[in-house]
C-alpha atoms as a PDB file:
ATOM      1  CA  UNK A   1     -23.202 -14.566 -13.862  1.00  0.00           C
ATOM      2  CA  UNK A   2     -25.005 -13.192 -10.894  1.00  0.00           C
ATOM      3  CA  UNK A   3     -25.687  -9.523 -10.517  1.00  0.00           C
ATOM      4  CA  UNK A   4     -25.347  -8.052  -6.978  1.00  0.00           C
ATOM      5  CA  UNK A   5     -27.740  -5.176  -6.283  1.00  0.00           C
ATOM      6  CA  UNK A   6     -25.980  -1.968  -5.189  1.00  0.00           C
ATOM      7  CA  UNK A   7     -28.979   0.351  -5.258  1.00  0.00           C
ATOM      8  CA  UNK A   8     -27.477   2.660  -7.853  1.00  0.00           C
ATOM      9  CA  UNK A   9     -26.116   2.680 -11.444  1.00  0.00           C
ATOM     10  CA  UNK A  10     -23.114   4.537 -10.130  1.00  0.00           C
ATOM     11  CA  UNK A  11     -21.758   1.236  -8.705  1.00  0.00           C
ATOM     12  CA  UNK A  12     -22.080  -2.037 -10.503  1.00  0.00           C
ATOM     13  CA  UNK A  13     -21.252  -5.509  -9.103  1.00  0.00           C
ATOM     14  CA  UNK A  14     -21.421  -8.978 -10.570  1.00  0.00           C
ATOM     15  CA  UNK A  15     -20.185 -12.398  -9.287  1.00  0.00           C
ATOM     16  CA  UNK A  16     -18.808 -14.925 -11.749  1.00  0.00           C
ATOM     17  CA  UNK A  17     -16.803 -18.142 -10.926  1.00  0.00           C
ATOM     18  CA  UNK A  18     -16.238 -16.947  -7.316  1.00  0.00           C
ATOM     19  CA  UNK A  19     -14.927 -13.570  -8.396  1.00  0.00           C
ATOM     20  CA  UNK A  20     -16.892 -10.404  -7.604  1.00  0.00           C
ATOM     21  CA  UNK A  21     -16.175  -7.398  -9.814  1.00  0.00           C
ATOM     22  CA  UNK A  22     -17.063  -3.990  -8.283  1.00  0.00           C
ATOM     23  CA  UNK A  23     -17.069  -1.187 -10.928  1.00  0.00           C
ATOM     24  CA  UNK A  24     -17.127   2.459 -10.015  1.00  0.00           C
ATOM     25  CA  UNK A  25     -19.504   3.690 -12.843  1.00  0.00           C
ATOM     26  CA  UNK A  26     -19.238   7.408 -13.260  1.00  0.00           C
ATOM     27  CA  UNK A  27     -16.973   7.586 -16.293  1.00  0.00           C
ATOM     28  CA  UNK A  28     -18.017  11.189 -17.152  1.00  0.00           C
ATOM     29  CA  UNK A  29     -16.556  12.280 -13.788  1.00  0.00           C
ATOM     30  CA  UNK A  30     -13.668   9.702 -13.825  1.00  0.00           C
ATOM     31  CA  UNK A  31     -15.498   7.764 -11.269  1.00  0.00           C
ATOM     32  CA  UNK A  32     -15.230  10.355  -8.572  1.00  0.00           C
ATOM     33  CA  UNK A  33     -16.578   9.495  -5.192  1.00  0.00           C
ATOM     34  CA  UNK A  34     -19.844  11.122  -3.967  1.00  0.00           C
ATOM     35  CA  UNK A  35     -22.910  10.925  -1.773  1.00  0.00           C
ATOM     36  CA  UNK A  36     -24.394   8.072  -3.889  1.00  0.00           C
ATOM     37  CA  UNK A  37     -21.453   6.027  -5.072  1.00  0.00           C
ATOM     38  CA  UNK A  38     -19.452   5.911  -1.803  1.00  0.00           C
ATOM     39  CA  UNK A  39     -22.141   4.716   0.536  1.00  0.00           C
ATOM     40  CA  UNK A  40     -23.066   2.028  -2.016  1.00  0.00           C
ATOM     41  CA  UNK A  41     -19.433   0.910  -2.092  1.00  0.00           C
ATOM     42  CA  UNK A  42     -19.330   0.606   1.673  1.00  0.00           C
ATOM     43  CA  UNK A  43     -22.495  -1.510   1.598  1.00  0.00           C
ATOM     44  CA  UNK A  44     -21.522  -3.830  -1.193  1.00  0.00           C
ATOM     45  CA  UNK A  45     -18.190  -4.668   0.561  1.00  0.00           C
ATOM     46  CA  UNK A  46     -20.199  -5.949   3.504  1.00  0.00           C
ATOM     47  CA  UNK A  47     -22.448  -7.903   1.249  1.00  0.00           C
ATOM     48  CA  UNK A  48     -19.508  -9.567  -0.499  1.00  0.00           C
ATOM     49  CA  UNK A  49     -17.711 -10.366   2.752  1.00  0.00           C
ATOM     50  CA  UNK A  50     -20.783 -12.316   3.892  1.00  0.00           C
ATOM     51  CA  UNK A  51     -21.418 -14.001   0.555  1.00  0.00           C
ATOM     52  CA  UNK A  52     -19.974 -17.528   0.660  1.00  0.00           C
ATOM     53  CA  UNK A  53     -19.890 -17.713  -3.140  1.00  0.00           C
ATOM     54  CA  UNK A  54     -17.277 -14.921  -3.269  1.00  0.00           C
ATOM     55  CA  UNK A  55     -13.662 -15.984  -3.053  1.00  0.00           C
ATOM     56  CA  UNK A  56     -11.981 -12.781  -4.361  1.00  0.00           C
ATOM     57  CA  UNK A  57     -12.975  -9.156  -5.206  1.00  0.00           C
ATOM     58  CA  UNK A  58     -11.858  -6.917  -8.110  1.00  0.00           C
ATOM     59  CA  UNK A  59     -12.369  -3.122  -7.700  1.00  0.00           C
ATOM     60  CA  UNK A  60     -12.168  -1.226 -11.010  1.00  0.00           C
ATOM     61  CA  UNK A  61     -13.503   1.770 -12.682  1.00  0.00           C
ATOM     62  CA  UNK A  62     -15.592   2.337 -15.829  1.00  0.00           C
ATOM     63  CA  UNK A  63     -14.044   3.849 -18.885  1.00  0.00           C
ATOM     64  CA  UNK A  64     -10.433   5.121 -18.751  1.00  0.00           C
ATOM     65  CA  UNK A  65     -10.143   6.054 -15.056  1.00  0.00           C
ATOM     66  CA  UNK A  66     -10.022   4.205 -11.762  1.00  0.00           C
ATOM     67  CA  UNK A  67     -11.206   6.856  -9.435  1.00  0.00           C
ATOM     68  CA  UNK A  68     -10.471  10.618  -9.381  1.00  0.00           C
ATOM     69  CA  UNK A  69     -11.068  10.753  -5.652  1.00  0.00           C
ATOM     70  CA  UNK A  70     -13.517  13.222  -4.182  1.00  0.00           C
ATOM     71  CA  UNK A  71     -15.577  15.338  -6.504  1.00  0.00           C
ATOM     72  CA  UNK A  72     -13.719  18.672  -6.178  1.00  0.00           C
ATOM     73  CA  UNK A  73     -16.699  20.571  -7.546  1.00  0.00           C
ATOM     74  CA  UNK A  74     -18.558  19.679  -4.397  1.00  0.00           C
ATOM     75  CA  UNK A  75     -15.771  20.910  -2.003  1.00  0.00           C
ATOM     76  CA  UNK A  76     -15.104  24.377  -0.790  1.00  0.00           C
ATOM     77  CA  UNK A  77     -17.116  24.465   2.408  1.00  0.00           C
ATOM     78  CA  UNK A  78     -18.129  28.075   3.226  1.00  0.00           C
ATOM     79  CA  UNK A  79     -17.346  29.151  -0.329  1.00  0.00           C
ATOM     80  CA  UNK A  80     -20.870  27.802  -1.216  1.00  0.00           C
ATOM     81  CA  UNK A  81     -23.928  29.840  -0.413  1.00  0.00           C
ATOM     82  CA  UNK A  82     -25.721  28.456   2.546  1.00  0.00           C
ATOM     83  CA  UNK A  83     -28.890  27.830   0.487  1.00  0.00           C
ATOM     84  CA  UNK A  84     -26.991  25.539  -1.710  1.00  0.00           C
ATOM     85  CA  UNK A  85     -25.940  23.158   1.055  1.00  0.00           C
ATOM     86  CA  UNK A  86     -27.883  19.893   1.025  1.00  0.00           C
ATOM     87  CA  UNK A  87     -27.344  19.140   4.738  1.00  0.00           C
ATOM     88  CA  UNK A  88     -25.553  20.777   7.642  1.00  0.00           C
ATOM     89  CA  UNK A  89     -22.030  19.619   8.577  1.00  0.00           C
ATOM     90  CA  UNK A  90     -21.775  16.933  11.209  1.00  0.00           C
ATOM     91  CA  UNK A  91     -21.536  18.123  14.794  1.00  0.00           C
ATOM     92  CA  UNK A  92     -18.008  16.494  15.061  1.00  0.00           C
ATOM     93  CA  UNK A  93     -16.485  16.443  11.626  1.00  0.00           C
ATOM     94  CA  UNK A  94     -13.347  14.521  12.831  1.00  0.00           C
ATOM     95  CA  UNK A  95     -15.411  11.700  14.233  1.00  0.00           C
ATOM     96  CA  UNK A  96     -17.588  11.647  11.160  1.00  0.00           C
ATOM     97  CA  UNK A  97     -14.524  11.378   8.862  1.00  0.00           C
ATOM     98  CA  UNK A  98     -13.048   8.643  11.031  1.00  0.00           C
ATOM     99  CA  UNK A  99     -16.264   6.576  10.696  1.00  0.00           C
ATOM    100  CA  UNK A 100     -16.336   7.147   6.892  1.00  0.00           C
ATOM    101  CA  UNK A 101     -12.693   6.023   6.589  1.00  0.00           C
ATOM    102  CA  UNK A 102     -13.096   2.958   8.788  1.00  0.00           C
ATOM    103  CA  UNK A 103     -16.143   1.803   6.792  1.00  0.00           C
ATOM    104  CA  UNK A 104     -14.356   2.136   3.477  1.00  0.00           C
ATOM    105  CA  UNK A 105     -10.571   1.851   3.248  1.00  0.00           C
ATOM    106  CA  UNK A 106     -10.143   0.097   6.583  1.00  0.00           C
ATOM    107  CA  UNK A 107     -12.982  -2.322   5.737  1.00  0.00           C
ATOM    108  CA  UNK A 108     -11.369  -2.993   2.332  1.00  0.00           C
ATOM    109  CA  UNK A 109      -7.914  -3.515   3.833  1.00  0.00           C
ATOM    110  CA  UNK A 110      -9.391  -6.012   6.400  1.00  0.00           C
ATOM    111  CA  UNK A 111     -11.919  -7.663   4.117  1.00  0.00           C
ATOM    112  CA  UNK A 112     -11.871 -11.399   4.664  1.00  0.00           C
ATOM    113  CA  UNK A 113     -11.487 -11.935   0.913  1.00  0.00           C
ATOM    114  CA  UNK A 114      -8.408 -11.146  -1.256  1.00  0.00           C
ATOM    115  CA  UNK A 115      -8.885  -7.964  -3.205  1.00  0.00           C
ATOM    116  CA  UNK A 116      -7.381  -6.694  -6.523  1.00  0.00           C
ATOM    117  CA  UNK A 117      -7.557  -3.046  -7.762  1.00  0.00           C
ATOM    118  CA  UNK A 118      -7.571  -3.030 -11.590  1.00  0.00           C
ATOM    119  CA  UNK A 119      -6.616   0.494 -12.686  1.00  0.00           C
ATOM    120  CA  UNK A 120      -7.583   1.301 -16.254  1.00  0.00           C
ATOM    121  CA  UNK A 121      -6.487   4.963 -15.704  1.00  0.00           C
ATOM    122  CA  UNK A 122      -5.693   7.399 -12.989  1.00  0.00           C
ATOM    123  CA  UNK A 123      -6.252   6.889  -9.327  1.00  0.00           C
ATOM    124  CA  UNK A 124      -6.091  10.140  -7.413  1.00  0.00           C
ATOM    125  CA  UNK A 125      -6.563  11.306  -3.810  1.00  0.00           C
ATOM    126  CA  UNK A 126      -9.041   9.118  -2.001  1.00  0.00           C
ATOM    127  CA  UNK A 127      -9.291   7.036  -5.130  1.00  0.00           C
ATOM    128  CA  UNK A 128      -5.609   6.189  -4.774  1.00  0.00           C
ATOM    129  CA  UNK A 129      -6.299   5.282  -1.090  1.00  0.00           C
ATOM    130  CA  UNK A 130      -8.930   2.776  -2.230  1.00  0.00           C
ATOM    131  CA  UNK A 131      -6.471   1.199  -4.685  1.00  0.00           C
ATOM    132  CA  UNK A 132      -3.808   1.093  -2.006  1.00  0.00           C
ATOM    133  CA  UNK A 133      -6.229  -0.510   0.476  1.00  0.00           C
ATOM    134  CA  UNK A 134      -6.646  -3.500  -1.953  1.00  0.00           C
ATOM    135  CA  UNK A 135      -4.214  -6.458  -1.527  1.00  0.00           C
ATOM    136  CA  UNK A 136      -2.863  -6.136  -5.032  1.00  0.00           C
ATOM    137  CA  UNK A 137      -2.888  -3.695  -7.901  1.00  0.00           C
ATOM    138  CA  UNK A 138      -2.805  -4.325 -11.672  1.00  0.00           C
ATOM    139  CA  UNK A 139      -2.418  -1.223 -13.833  1.00  0.00           C
ATOM    140  CA  UNK A 140      -3.037  -0.480 -17.463  1.00  0.00           C
ATOM    141  CA  UNK A 141       0.210   0.750 -19.073  1.00  0.00           C
ATOM    142  CA  UNK A 142      -1.415   4.204 -19.618  1.00  0.00           C
ATOM    143  CA  UNK A 143      -2.609   4.539 -16.031  1.00  0.00           C
ATOM    144  CA  UNK A 144      -0.988   6.667 -13.312  1.00  0.00           C
ATOM    145  CA  UNK A 145      -1.475   7.570  -9.726  1.00  0.00           C
ATOM    146  CA  UNK A 146      -1.204  10.839  -7.851  1.00  0.00           C
ATOM    147  CA  UNK A 147      -1.767  11.691  -4.162  1.00  0.00           C
ATOM    148  CA  UNK A 148      -3.348  14.975  -5.486  1.00  0.00           C
ATOM    149  CA  UNK A 149      -4.091  16.449  -2.072  1.00  0.00           C
ATOM    150  CA  UNK A 150      -1.466  19.193  -2.215  1.00  0.00           C
ATOM    151  CA  UNK A 151      -3.069  20.476  -5.431  1.00  0.00           C
ATOM    152  CA  UNK A 152      -6.320  21.393  -3.541  1.00  0.00           C
ATOM    153  CA  UNK A 153      -4.721  22.425  -0.224  1.00  0.00           C
ATOM    154  CA  UNK A 154      -5.603  19.321   1.766  1.00  0.00           C
ATOM    155  CA  UNK A 155      -3.439  17.034   3.850  1.00  0.00           C
ATOM    156  CA  UNK A 156      -4.949  13.643   2.759  1.00  0.00           C
ATOM    157  CA  UNK A 157      -7.454  11.092   4.134  1.00  0.00           C
ATOM    158  CA  UNK A 158      -8.684   7.495   3.837  1.00  0.00           C
ATOM    159  CA  UNK A 159      -5.385   6.065   4.930  1.00  0.00           C
ATOM    160  CA  UNK A 160      -3.379   6.786   1.866  1.00  0.00           C
ATOM    161  CA  UNK A 161      -0.412   8.060   3.914  1.00  0.00           C
ATOM    162  CA  UNK A 162      -0.183   4.880   6.058  1.00  0.00           C
ATOM    163  CA  UNK A 163      -0.819   2.529   3.085  1.00  0.00           C
ATOM    164  CA  UNK A 164       1.719   4.249   0.740  1.00  0.00           C
ATOM    165  CA  UNK A 165       4.383   4.473   3.468  1.00  0.00           C
ATOM    166  CA  UNK A 166       4.171   0.761   4.122  1.00  0.00           C
ATOM    167  CA  UNK A 167       4.507   0.030   0.428  1.00  0.00           C
ATOM    168  CA  UNK A 168       7.292   2.407  -0.574  1.00  0.00           C
ATOM    169  CA  UNK A 169       8.883   3.735   2.662  1.00  0.00           C
ATOM    170  CA  UNK A 170       8.641   7.160   4.210  1.00  0.00           C
ATOM    171  CA  UNK A 171      11.016   9.072   1.932  1.00  0.00           C
ATOM    172  CA  UNK A 172       9.264   8.160  -1.331  1.00  0.00           C
ATOM    173  CA  UNK A 173       5.844   8.531   0.296  1.00  0.00           C
ATOM    174  CA  UNK A 174       6.644  12.054   1.492  1.00  0.00           C
ATOM    175  CA  UNK A 175       7.830  13.094  -1.936  1.00  0.00           C
ATOM    176  CA  UNK A 176       4.655  11.799  -3.531  1.00  0.00           C
ATOM    177  CA  UNK A 177       2.503  13.641  -0.981  1.00  0.00           C
ATOM    178  CA  UNK A 178       4.392  16.865  -0.885  1.00  0.00           C
ATOM    179  CA  UNK A 179       4.737  17.205  -4.663  1.00  0.00           C
ATOM    180  CA  UNK A 180       1.517  15.451  -5.839  1.00  0.00           C
ATOM    181  CA  UNK A 181       3.384  14.447  -8.997  1.00  0.00           C
ATOM    182  CA  UNK A 182       2.000  11.780 -11.360  1.00  0.00           C
ATOM    183  CA  UNK A 183       3.601   8.374 -11.076  1.00  0.00           C
ATOM    184  CA  UNK A 184       3.172   6.321 -14.278  1.00  0.00           C
ATOM    185  CA  UNK A 185       2.504   2.632 -14.310  1.00  0.00           C
ATOM    186  CA  UNK A 186       6.062   1.547 -15.003  1.00  0.00           C
ATOM    187  CA  UNK A 187       7.378   3.580 -12.040  1.00  0.00           C
ATOM    188  CA  UNK A 188       4.600   2.194  -9.897  1.00  0.00           C
ATOM    189  CA  UNK A 189       5.813  -1.316 -10.784  1.00  0.00           C
ATOM    190  CA  UNK A 190       9.418  -0.471  -9.936  1.00  0.00           C
ATOM    191  CA  UNK A 191       8.359   1.117  -6.604  1.00  0.00           C
ATOM    192  CA  UNK A 192       6.220  -1.978  -5.690  1.00  0.00           C
ATOM    193  CA  UNK A 193       2.936  -0.023  -5.830  1.00  0.00           C
ATOM    194  CA  UNK A 194       1.801  -2.063  -8.768  1.00  0.00           C
ATOM    195  CA  UNK A 195       2.030  -5.889  -8.939  1.00  0.00           C
ATOM    196  CA  UNK A 196       1.639  -5.979 -12.663  1.00  0.00           C
ATOM    197  CA  UNK A 197       1.361  -3.594 -15.694  1.00  0.00           C
ATOM    198  CA  UNK A 198      -0.466  -4.778 -18.785  1.00  0.00           C
ATOM    199  CA  UNK A 199      -1.992  -3.202 -21.887  1.00  0.00           C
ATOM    200  CA  UNK A 200      -5.261  -1.416 -21.313  1.00  0.00           C
ATOM    201  CA  UNK A 201      -7.112  -3.914 -23.552  1.00  0.00           C
ATOM    202  CA  UNK A 202      -5.842  -6.849 -21.367  1.00  0.00           C
ATOM    203  CA  UNK A 203      -6.388  -5.300 -17.972  1.00  0.00           C
ATOM    204  CA  UNK A 204      -9.796  -6.832 -17.056  1.00  0.00           C
ATOM    205  CA  UNK A 205      -8.849 -10.257 -18.381  1.00  0.00           C
ATOM    206  CA  UNK A 206      -5.613 -10.158 -16.436  1.00  0.00           C
ATOM    207  CA  UNK A 207      -7.300  -9.121 -13.215  1.00  0.00           C
ATOM    208  CA  UNK A 208     -10.045 -11.777 -13.591  1.00  0.00           C
ATOM    209  CA  UNK A 209      -7.564 -14.572 -14.281  1.00  0.00           C
ATOM    210  CA  UNK A 210      -5.534 -13.655 -11.118  1.00  0.00           C
ATOM    211  CA  UNK A 211      -8.792 -13.355  -9.042  1.00  0.00           C
ATOM    212  CA  UNK A 212     -10.111 -16.695 -10.390  1.00  0.00           C
ATOM    213  CA  UNK A 213      -6.825 -18.418  -9.510  1.00  0.00           C
ATOM    214  CA  UNK A 214      -7.027 -17.158  -5.947  1.00  0.00           C
ATOM    215  CA  UNK A 215     -10.773 -17.659  -5.580  1.00  0.00           C
ATOM    216  CA  UNK A 216     -10.323 -21.360  -6.654  1.00  0.00           C
ATOM    217  CA  UNK A 217      -7.857 -21.972  -3.929  1.00  0.00           C
ATOM    218  CA  UNK A 218      -8.213 -22.973  -0.223  1.00  0.00           C
ATOM    219  CA  UNK A 219     -10.300 -20.015   0.946  1.00  0.00           C
ATOM    220  CA  UNK A 220      -9.957 -20.574   4.701  1.00  0.00           C
ATOM    221  CA  UNK A 221      -6.152 -20.780   4.463  1.00  0.00           C
ATOM    222  CA  UNK A 222      -5.993 -17.683   2.176  1.00  0.00           C
ATOM    223  CA  UNK A 223      -8.211 -15.720   4.605  1.00  0.00           C
ATOM    224  CA  UNK A 224      -5.607 -16.629   7.373  1.00  0.00           C
ATOM    225  CA  UNK A 225      -2.770 -15.706   5.146  1.00  0.00           C
ATOM    226  CA  UNK A 226      -4.265 -12.216   4.600  1.00  0.00           C
ATOM    227  CA  UNK A 227      -4.713 -11.814   8.404  1.00  0.00           C
ATOM    228  CA  UNK A 228      -1.134 -12.894   8.954  1.00  0.00           C
ATOM    229  CA  UNK A 229       0.304 -10.552   6.385  1.00  0.00           C
ATOM    230  CA  UNK A 230      -1.728  -7.584   7.596  1.00  0.00           C
ATOM    231  CA  UNK A 231      -0.765  -8.274  11.144  1.00  0.00           C
ATOM    232  CA  UNK A 232       2.950  -8.285  10.150  1.00  0.00           C
ATOM    233  CA  UNK A 233       2.617  -4.553   9.494  1.00  0.00           C
ATOM    234  CA  UNK A 234       1.663  -3.843  13.067  1.00  0.00           C
ATOM    235  CA  UNK A 235       2.672  -6.558  15.579  1.00  0.00           C
ATOM    236  CA  UNK A 236       6.063  -7.833  16.833  1.00  0.00           C
ATOM    237  CA  UNK A 237       7.529 -11.079  15.673  1.00  0.00           C
ATOM    238  CA  UNK A 238       6.560 -13.057  18.805  1.00  0.00           C
ATOM    239  CA  UNK A 239       2.930 -12.082  18.418  1.00  0.00           C
ATOM    240  CA  UNK A 240       2.933 -12.949  14.738  1.00  0.00           C
ATOM    241  CA  UNK A 241       4.479 -16.366  15.491  1.00  0.00           C
ATOM    242  CA  UNK A 242       1.833 -17.111  18.082  1.00  0.00           C
ATOM    243  CA  UNK A 243      -1.038 -16.187  15.697  1.00  0.00           C
ATOM    244  CA  UNK A 244       0.509 -18.018  12.855  1.00  0.00           C
ATOM    245  CA  UNK A 245       0.631 -21.165  14.924  1.00  0.00           C
ATOM    246  CA  UNK A 246      -3.010 -20.785  15.854  1.00  0.00           C
ATOM    247  CA  UNK A 247      -4.101 -20.206  12.218  1.00  0.00           C
ATOM    248  CA  UNK A 248      -1.866 -23.104  10.994  1.00  0.00           C
ATOM    249  CA  UNK A 249      -3.514 -25.428  13.351  1.00  0.00           C
ATOM    250  CA  UNK A 250      -6.974 -24.333  12.349  1.00  0.00           C
ATOM    251  CA  UNK A 251      -6.303 -24.595   8.636  1.00  0.00           C
ATOM    252  CA  UNK A 252      -4.745 -28.118   9.197  1.00  0.00           C
ATOM    253  CA  UNK A 253      -8.223 -29.186  10.429  1.00  0.00           C
ATOM    254  CA  UNK A 254     -10.116 -28.053   7.270  1.00  0.00           C
ATOM    255  CA  UNK A 255     -11.485 -30.153   4.457  1.00  0.00           C
ATOM    256  CA  UNK A 256      -9.458 -28.027   2.049  1.00  0.00           C
ATOM    257  CA  UNK A 257      -6.224 -29.201   3.647  1.00  0.00           C
ATOM    258  CA  UNK A 258      -7.276 -32.842   3.442  1.00  0.00           C
ATOM    259  CA  UNK A 259      -8.205 -32.450  -0.215  1.00  0.00           C
ATOM    260  CA  UNK A 260      -4.873 -30.744  -1.019  1.00  0.00           C
ATOM    261  CA  UNK A 261      -2.988 -33.595   0.605  1.00  0.00           C
ATOM    262  CA  UNK A 262      -5.032 -36.260  -1.327  1.00  0.00           C
ATOM    263  CA  UNK A 263      -4.448 -34.315  -4.558  1.00  0.00           C
ATOM    264  CA  UNK A 264      -0.676 -34.111  -3.850  1.00  0.00           C
ATOM    265  CA  UNK A 265      -0.439 -37.910  -3.206  1.00  0.00           C
ATOM    266  CA  UNK A 266      -2.542 -38.656  -6.271  1.00  0.00           C
ATOM    267  CA  UNK A 267      -0.577 -36.190  -8.426  1.00  0.00           C
ATOM    268  CA  UNK A 268      -3.630 -34.199  -9.546  1.00  0.00           C
ATOM    269  CA  UNK A 269      -4.881 -30.630  -9.033  1.00  0.00           C
ATOM    270  CA  UNK A 270      -6.909 -30.095  -5.877  1.00  0.00           C
ATOM    271  CA  UNK A 271     -10.624 -29.663  -6.237  1.00  0.00           C
ATOM    272  CA  UNK A 272     -11.833 -27.437  -3.412  1.00  0.00           C
ATOM    273  CA  UNK A 273     -15.557 -27.449  -2.530  1.00  0.00           C
ATOM    274  CA  UNK A 274     -16.790 -23.922  -2.944  1.00  0.00           C
ATOM    275  CA  UNK A 275     -20.443 -22.627  -2.956  1.00  0.00           C
ATOM    276  CA  UNK A 276     -21.712 -21.614  -6.324  1.00  0.00           C
END
């Protein structure tokens, strides 16, 4: 096992068998985002994207929560005395929030490695957006999600509205945003938000097994697959066909493709050459 330095105990990261596990580690606050954890998460995603040993990423939470979203105790703006403020607000708060979103959930959505969110418990608000930005979600049977923003008088950020709409359609997404109701794991599975629901005790093993299977595969081809599938949300069919043709031609020239063909002919599992 290789530990990846994050600069804080609020975020843990290790790399085993090609799988990086990123753990939000503030269980006493249900792994709420904050001024230490969130920048560390942004940074470690860049580190993992550039690490050739990493073939897949799991994002999970310590204890019995995934992520409660923003720390509500730190919200309220002008309700706080001026002396209590750590730093002044940015000159352009919209531009500042756009940058924060693009370097977290957009980066996670576009990461050149497959990503799995493993939810041991609730994912709320921006924490839900982080889970939705991953390619797949595995939930403990006791976990639930909630958009949560209506409960604190906010409209939502970090791309949750876009991500949820593309998963479940606009009518369900609007209901979940307008009501902020809790959606349990089984309903998430039925709606297509969760890929799998397992017992809490089996969650991490299930996520690691899936991540290892993906990380052991043809990584260049899988990276192209992710690009193709993400593009399908945005581009027209003709554009997707053209890019698919380009990526198919590129992957056909890889050593992974040649090994997979040899393995097929020799009736054995392929052995792809990955850095360790």
